[in-house]
Amino acid sequence: MPRGETAVASLAGAGSCRLEPTMLPELSGRPAFGAAGQGASLALLARRTPLGLLGKHVHVTTGAWTETVAGLGSNADSFYEYLLKMYLVFGDDKWWWAFKET
């Protein structure tokens, strides 16, 4: 993490950079580009509450939610948008299950 940068990321920020890093291995033949981004998104999904909800801000080192309010508005919307895009572009069910009931 760069010096002076906050260790807290919004859910939207953490999920917005999903499509491009996953497409890069398809174009370059280097799977490492997409593995880290996919792992980050799956780690966020693994932190859902028993109701299937995600907080709006997460500490990037500890993985703890620093804002536990859930919703589809600001600080969260892009995460869900990119999950849907990942499913539509790659057809991978692991991105679709996030929309199913837990």
N, C-alpha and C. Protein backbone atom coordinates (compact mmCIF):
# COMPACT_ATOMS: atom_id res chain seq x y z
N MET A 1 0.85 -1.15 0.00
CA MET A 1 0.00 0.00 0.00
C MET A 1 0.91 1.24 0.00
N PRO A 2 0.62 2.19 -0.87
CA PRO A 2 1.45 3.40 -0.92
C PRO A 2 1.41 4.19 0.39
N ARG A 3 2.49 4.81 0.74
CA ARG A 3 2.58 5.63 1.95
C ARG A 3 1.51 6.72 1.89
N GLY A 4 0.82 6.90 3.01
CA GLY A 4 -0.20 7.93 3.09
C GLY A 4 -1.56 7.51 2.56
N GLU A 5 -1.65 6.35 1.99
CA GLU A 5 -2.93 5.86 1.45
C GLU A 5 -3.73 5.20 2.56
N THR A 6 -5.03 5.35 2.52
CA THR A 6 -5.89 4.73 3.52
C THR A 6 -5.97 3.21 3.30
N ALA A 7 -6.12 2.48 4.39
CA ALA A 7 -6.25 1.02 4.31
C ALA A 7 -7.71 0.61 4.19
N VAL A 8 -8.60 1.58 4.04
CA VAL A 8 -10.03 1.30 3.92
C VAL A 8 -10.46 1.54 2.48
N ALA A 9 -11.16 0.56 1.91
CA ALA A 9 -11.67 0.68 0.54
C ALA A 9 -13.18 0.52 0.55
N SER A 10 -13.83 1.22 -0.36
CA SER A 10 -15.27 1.04 -0.49
C SER A 10 -15.53 -0.27 -1.22
N LEU A 11 -16.68 -0.83 -0.99
CA LEU A 11 -17.07 -2.05 -1.69
C LEU A 11 -17.07 -1.80 -3.20
N ALA A 12 -17.58 -0.64 -3.61
CA ALA A 12 -17.61 -0.30 -5.03
C ALA A 12 -16.20 -0.23 -5.61
N GLY A 13 -15.30 0.43 -4.89
CA GLY A 13 -13.92 0.55 -5.36
C GLY A 13 -13.22 -0.79 -5.43
N ALA A 14 -13.49 -1.63 -4.47
CA ALA A 14 -12.86 -2.95 -4.45
C ALA A 14 -13.36 -3.84 -5.58
N GLY A 15 -14.58 -3.62 -6.03
CA GLY A 15 -15.15 -4.48 -7.06
C GLY A 15 -15.14 -3.90 -8.46
N SER A 16 -14.86 -2.62 -8.60
CA SER A 16 -14.95 -1.98 -9.91
C SER A 16 -13.88 -2.46 -10.89
N CYS A 17 -12.75 -2.85 -10.40
CA CYS A 17 -11.66 -3.25 -11.28
C CYS A 17 -11.65 -4.76 -11.51
N ARG A 18 -12.79 -5.33 -11.76
CA ARG A 18 -12.91 -6.78 -11.95
C ARG A 18 -12.79 -7.20 -13.40
N LEU A 19 -13.48 -6.53 -14.26
CA LEU A 19 -13.57 -6.96 -15.65
C LEU A 19 -12.24 -6.84 -16.38
N GLU A 20 -11.58 -5.72 -16.25
CA GLU A 20 -10.34 -5.48 -16.97
C GLU A 20 -9.23 -6.45 -16.56
N PRO A 21 -8.98 -6.66 -15.24
CA PRO A 21 -7.92 -7.62 -14.87
C PRO A 21 -8.24 -9.06 -15.27
N THR A 22 -9.50 -9.37 -15.42
CA THR A 22 -9.86 -10.72 -15.84
C THR A 22 -9.73 -10.86 -17.36
N MET A 23 -9.97 -9.79 -18.09
CA MET A 23 -9.83 -9.82 -19.54
C MET A 23 -8.36 -9.83 -19.96
N LEU A 24 -7.50 -9.20 -19.17
CA LEU A 24 -6.08 -9.12 -19.51
C LEU A 24 -5.42 -10.49 -19.71
N PRO A 25 -5.67 -11.49 -18.85
CA PRO A 25 -5.08 -12.81 -19.12
C PRO A 25 -5.60 -13.43 -20.42
N GLU A 26 -6.84 -13.14 -20.75
CA GLU A 26 -7.39 -13.65 -22.01
C GLU A 26 -6.60 -13.10 -23.20
N LEU A 27 -6.19 -11.85 -23.09
CA LEU A 27 -5.47 -11.19 -24.18
C LEU A 27 -3.96 -11.45 -24.14
N SER A 28 -3.41 -11.59 -22.93
CA SER A 28 -1.96 -11.71 -22.79
C SER A 28 -1.47 -13.14 -22.61
N GLY A 29 -2.37 -14.05 -22.19
CA GLY A 29 -1.96 -15.41 -21.90
C GLY A 29 -1.28 -15.54 -20.55
N ARG A 30 -1.36 -14.52 -19.70
CA ARG A 30 -0.72 -14.54 -18.38
C ARG A 30 -1.80 -14.53 -17.30
N PRO A 31 -2.17 -15.69 -16.78
CA PRO A 31 -3.28 -15.79 -15.83
C PRO A 31 -3.08 -15.06 -14.51
N ALA A 32 -1.86 -14.76 -14.14
CA ALA A 32 -1.62 -14.08 -12.86
C ALA A 32 -2.31 -12.72 -12.80
N PHE A 33 -2.51 -12.08 -13.94
CA PHE A 33 -3.15 -10.78 -13.94
C PHE A 33 -4.56 -10.84 -13.35
N GLY A 34 -5.29 -11.88 -13.64
CA GLY A 34 -6.67 -11.97 -13.18
C GLY A 34 -6.85 -12.65 -11.85
N ALA A 35 -5.91 -13.46 -11.44
CA ALA A 35 -6.06 -14.27 -10.23
C ALA A 35 -6.23 -13.41 -8.98
N ALA A 36 -5.45 -12.38 -8.83
CA ALA A 36 -5.51 -11.55 -7.63
C ALA A 36 -6.85 -10.82 -7.53
N GLY A 37 -7.30 -10.27 -8.64
CA GLY A 37 -8.57 -9.55 -8.64
C GLY A 37 -9.74 -10.47 -8.35
N GLN A 38 -9.73 -11.64 -8.93
CA GLN A 38 -10.81 -12.60 -8.66
C GLN A 38 -10.79 -13.02 -7.20
N GLY A 39 -9.59 -13.25 -6.66
CA GLY A 39 -9.48 -13.63 -5.26
C GLY A 39 -10.02 -12.56 -4.34
N ALA A 40 -9.77 -11.30 -4.67
CA ALA A 40 -10.26 -10.19 -3.85
C ALA A 40 -11.78 -10.15 -3.85
N SER A 41 -12.40 -10.31 -5.02
CA SER A 41 -13.86 -10.30 -5.09
C SER A 41 -14.46 -11.47 -4.35
N LEU A 42 -13.86 -12.64 -4.48
CA LEU A 42 -14.37 -13.81 -3.77
C LEU A 42 -14.19 -13.66 -2.26
N ALA A 43 -13.10 -13.02 -1.85
CA ALA A 43 -12.89 -12.78 -0.41
C ALA A 43 -13.96 -11.85 0.15
N LEU A 44 -14.35 -10.85 -0.62
CA LEU A 44 -15.43 -9.96 -0.17
C LEU A 44 -16.74 -10.73 -0.07
N LEU A 45 -17.04 -11.54 -1.06
CA LEU A 45 -18.28 -12.32 -1.04
C LEU A 45 -18.30 -13.29 0.13
N ALA A 46 -17.13 -13.80 0.49
CA ALA A 46 -17.05 -14.74 1.62
C ALA A 46 -17.35 -14.05 2.95
N ARG A 47 -17.32 -12.74 2.96
CA ARG A 47 -17.57 -11.98 4.19
C ARG A 47 -19.02 -11.50 4.30
N ARG A 48 -19.90 -12.09 3.50
CA ARG A 48 -21.32 -11.71 3.59
C ARG A 48 -21.88 -12.12 4.94
N THR A 49 -22.88 -11.37 5.37
CA THR A 49 -23.57 -11.71 6.63
C THR A 49 -24.43 -12.94 6.39
N PRO A 50 -25.00 -13.52 7.45
CA PRO A 50 -25.91 -14.65 7.26
C PRO A 50 -27.12 -14.31 6.36
N LEU A 51 -27.43 -13.03 6.25
CA LEU A 51 -28.51 -12.61 5.34
C LEU A 51 -28.02 -12.40 3.91
N GLY A 52 -26.72 -12.57 3.68
CA GLY A 52 -26.15 -12.40 2.34
C GLY A 52 -25.76 -10.97 2.02
N LEU A 53 -25.65 -10.11 3.03
CA LEU A 53 -25.35 -8.70 2.82
C LEU A 53 -23.86 -8.42 2.96
N LEU A 54 -23.42 -7.36 2.29
CA LEU A 54 -22.04 -6.91 2.37
C LEU A 54 -22.01 -5.49 2.92
N GLY A 55 -20.98 -5.16 3.68
CA GLY A 55 -20.82 -3.80 4.17
C GLY A 55 -20.40 -2.87 3.05
N LYS A 56 -20.24 -1.60 3.37
CA LYS A 56 -19.87 -0.63 2.35
C LYS A 56 -18.38 -0.28 2.34
N HIS A 57 -17.66 -0.52 3.44
CA HIS A 57 -16.23 -0.24 3.49
C HIS A 57 -15.52 -1.39 4.21
N VAL A 58 -14.37 -1.76 3.68
CA VAL A 58 -13.61 -2.88 4.22
C VAL A 58 -12.15 -2.46 4.42
N HIS A 59 -11.55 -2.96 5.49
CA HIS A 59 -10.13 -2.73 5.73
C HIS A 59 -9.37 -3.71 4.84
N VAL A 60 -8.51 -3.20 3.97
CA VAL A 60 -7.88 -4.06 2.97
C VAL A 60 -6.84 -5.03 3.53
N THR A 61 -6.35 -4.76 4.72
CA THR A 61 -5.37 -5.66 5.33
C THR A 61 -6.03 -6.74 6.18
N THR A 62 -7.01 -6.35 6.99
CA THR A 62 -7.64 -7.30 7.90
C THR A 62 -8.87 -7.97 7.30
N GLY A 63 -9.50 -7.34 6.32
CA GLY A 63 -10.73 -7.88 5.75
C GLY A 63 -11.96 -7.59 6.59
N ALA A 64 -11.80 -6.82 7.67
CA ALA A 64 -12.93 -6.49 8.53
C ALA A 64 -13.73 -5.34 7.92
N TRP A 65 -15.04 -5.42 8.06
CA TRP A 65 -15.90 -4.33 7.59
C TRP A 65 -15.71 -3.13 8.51
N THR A 66 -15.42 -1.97 7.95
CA THR A 66 -15.31 -0.76 8.75
C THR A 66 -16.60 0.04 8.68
N GLU A 67 -17.44 -0.25 7.72
CA GLU A 67 -18.81 0.28 7.67
C GLU A 67 -19.70 -0.90 7.31
N THR A 68 -20.54 -1.29 8.24
CA THR A 68 -21.35 -2.50 8.04
C THR A 68 -22.71 -2.23 7.41
N VAL A 69 -23.01 -0.97 7.14
CA VAL A 69 -24.29 -0.64 6.49
C VAL A 69 -24.30 -1.27 5.11
N ALA A 70 -25.39 -1.95 4.76
CA ALA A 70 -25.51 -2.59 3.46
C ALA A 70 -26.49 -1.82 2.59
N GLY A 71 -26.29 -1.88 1.29
CA GLY A 71 -27.20 -1.22 0.37
C GLY A 71 -26.67 -1.26 -1.04
N LEU A 72 -27.47 -0.76 -1.96
CA LEU A 72 -27.07 -0.75 -3.37
C LEU A 72 -26.67 0.63 -3.85
N GLY A 73 -26.64 1.60 -2.96
CA GLY A 73 -26.31 2.98 -3.33
C GLY A 73 -24.81 3.22 -3.42
N SER A 74 -24.45 4.47 -3.17
CA SER A 74 -23.05 4.86 -3.29
C SER A 74 -22.17 4.00 -2.39
N ASN A 75 -20.96 3.81 -2.84
CA ASN A 75 -19.94 3.00 -2.17
C ASN A 75 -20.18 1.50 -2.28
N ALA A 76 -21.23 1.07 -2.97
CA ALA A 76 -21.49 -0.36 -3.12
C ALA A 76 -21.94 -0.73 -4.53
N ASP A 77 -22.60 0.16 -5.23
CA ASP A 77 -23.27 -0.18 -6.48
C ASP A 77 -22.38 -0.82 -7.54
N SER A 78 -21.17 -0.31 -7.72
CA SER A 78 -20.30 -0.84 -8.77
C SER A 78 -19.87 -2.27 -8.52
N PHE A 79 -19.77 -2.66 -7.26
CA PHE A 79 -19.40 -4.04 -6.95
C PHE A 79 -20.41 -5.00 -7.57
N TYR A 80 -21.69 -4.73 -7.35
CA TYR A 80 -22.74 -5.60 -7.88
C TYR A 80 -22.83 -5.51 -9.40
N GLU A 81 -22.64 -4.34 -9.92
CA GLU A 81 -22.64 -4.14 -11.37
C GLU A 81 -21.57 -4.99 -12.05
N TYR A 82 -20.37 -5.00 -11.45
CA TYR A 82 -19.28 -5.77 -12.05
C TYR A 82 -19.44 -7.27 -11.86
N LEU A 83 -20.09 -7.70 -10.78
CA LEU A 83 -20.39 -9.12 -10.66
C LEU A 83 -21.27 -9.58 -11.81
N LEU A 84 -22.28 -8.78 -12.10
CA LEU A 84 -23.18 -9.12 -13.21
C LEU A 84 -22.43 -9.10 -14.54
N LYS A 85 -21.61 -8.09 -14.75
CA LYS A 85 -20.82 -8.01 -16.00
C LYS A 85 -19.89 -9.22 -16.13
N MET A 86 -19.26 -9.64 -15.02
CA MET A 86 -18.38 -10.80 -15.07
C MET A 86 -19.15 -12.05 -15.48
N TYR A 87 -20.34 -12.20 -14.96
CA TYR A 87 -21.15 -13.36 -15.33
C TYR A 87 -21.54 -13.27 -16.81
N LEU A 88 -21.98 -12.11 -17.25
CA LEU A 88 -22.42 -11.97 -18.64
C LEU A 88 -21.28 -12.15 -19.63
N VAL A 89 -20.10 -11.62 -19.33
CA VAL A 89 -18.97 -11.71 -20.26
C VAL A 89 -18.33 -13.09 -20.25
N PHE A 90 -18.13 -13.67 -19.06
CA PHE A 90 -17.40 -14.92 -18.96
C PHE A 90 -18.29 -16.14 -18.72
N GLY A 91 -19.56 -15.92 -18.36
CA GLY A 91 -20.48 -17.04 -18.14
C GLY A 91 -20.10 -17.92 -16.97
N ASP A 92 -19.36 -17.38 -16.04
CA ASP A 92 -18.88 -18.15 -14.90
C ASP A 92 -19.88 -18.01 -13.75
N ASP A 93 -20.46 -19.14 -13.33
CA ASP A 93 -21.49 -19.13 -12.31
C ASP A 93 -21.04 -18.58 -10.96
N LYS A 94 -19.74 -18.58 -10.68
CA LYS A 94 -19.31 -18.07 -9.37
C LYS A 94 -19.65 -16.59 -9.21
N TRP A 95 -19.84 -15.88 -10.32
CA TRP A 95 -20.22 -14.47 -10.22
C TRP A 95 -21.73 -14.31 -10.14
N TRP A 96 -22.47 -15.28 -10.60
CA TRP A 96 -23.93 -15.22 -10.56
C TRP A 96 -24.47 -15.60 -9.18
N TRP A 97 -23.82 -16.54 -8.50
CA TRP A 97 -24.34 -17.01 -7.21
C TRP A 97 -24.41 -15.88 -6.21
N ALA A 98 -23.68 -14.84 -6.41
CA ALA A 98 -23.73 -13.71 -5.49
C ALA A 98 -25.12 -13.06 -5.45
N PHE A 99 -25.89 -13.27 -6.50
CA PHE A 99 -27.23 -12.68 -6.57
C PHE A 99 -28.29 -13.62 -6.04
N LYS A 100 -27.93 -14.87 -5.83
CA LYS A 100 -28.90 -15.85 -5.32
C LYS A 100 -29.04 -15.73 -3.82
N GLU A 101 -30.13 -16.22 -3.31
CA GLU A 101 -30.33 -16.22 -1.85
C GLU A 101 -29.33 -17.15 -1.19
N THR A 102 -28.96 -16.80 0.02
CA THR A 102 -28.01 -17.65 0.75
C THR A 102 -28.77 -18.67 1.57
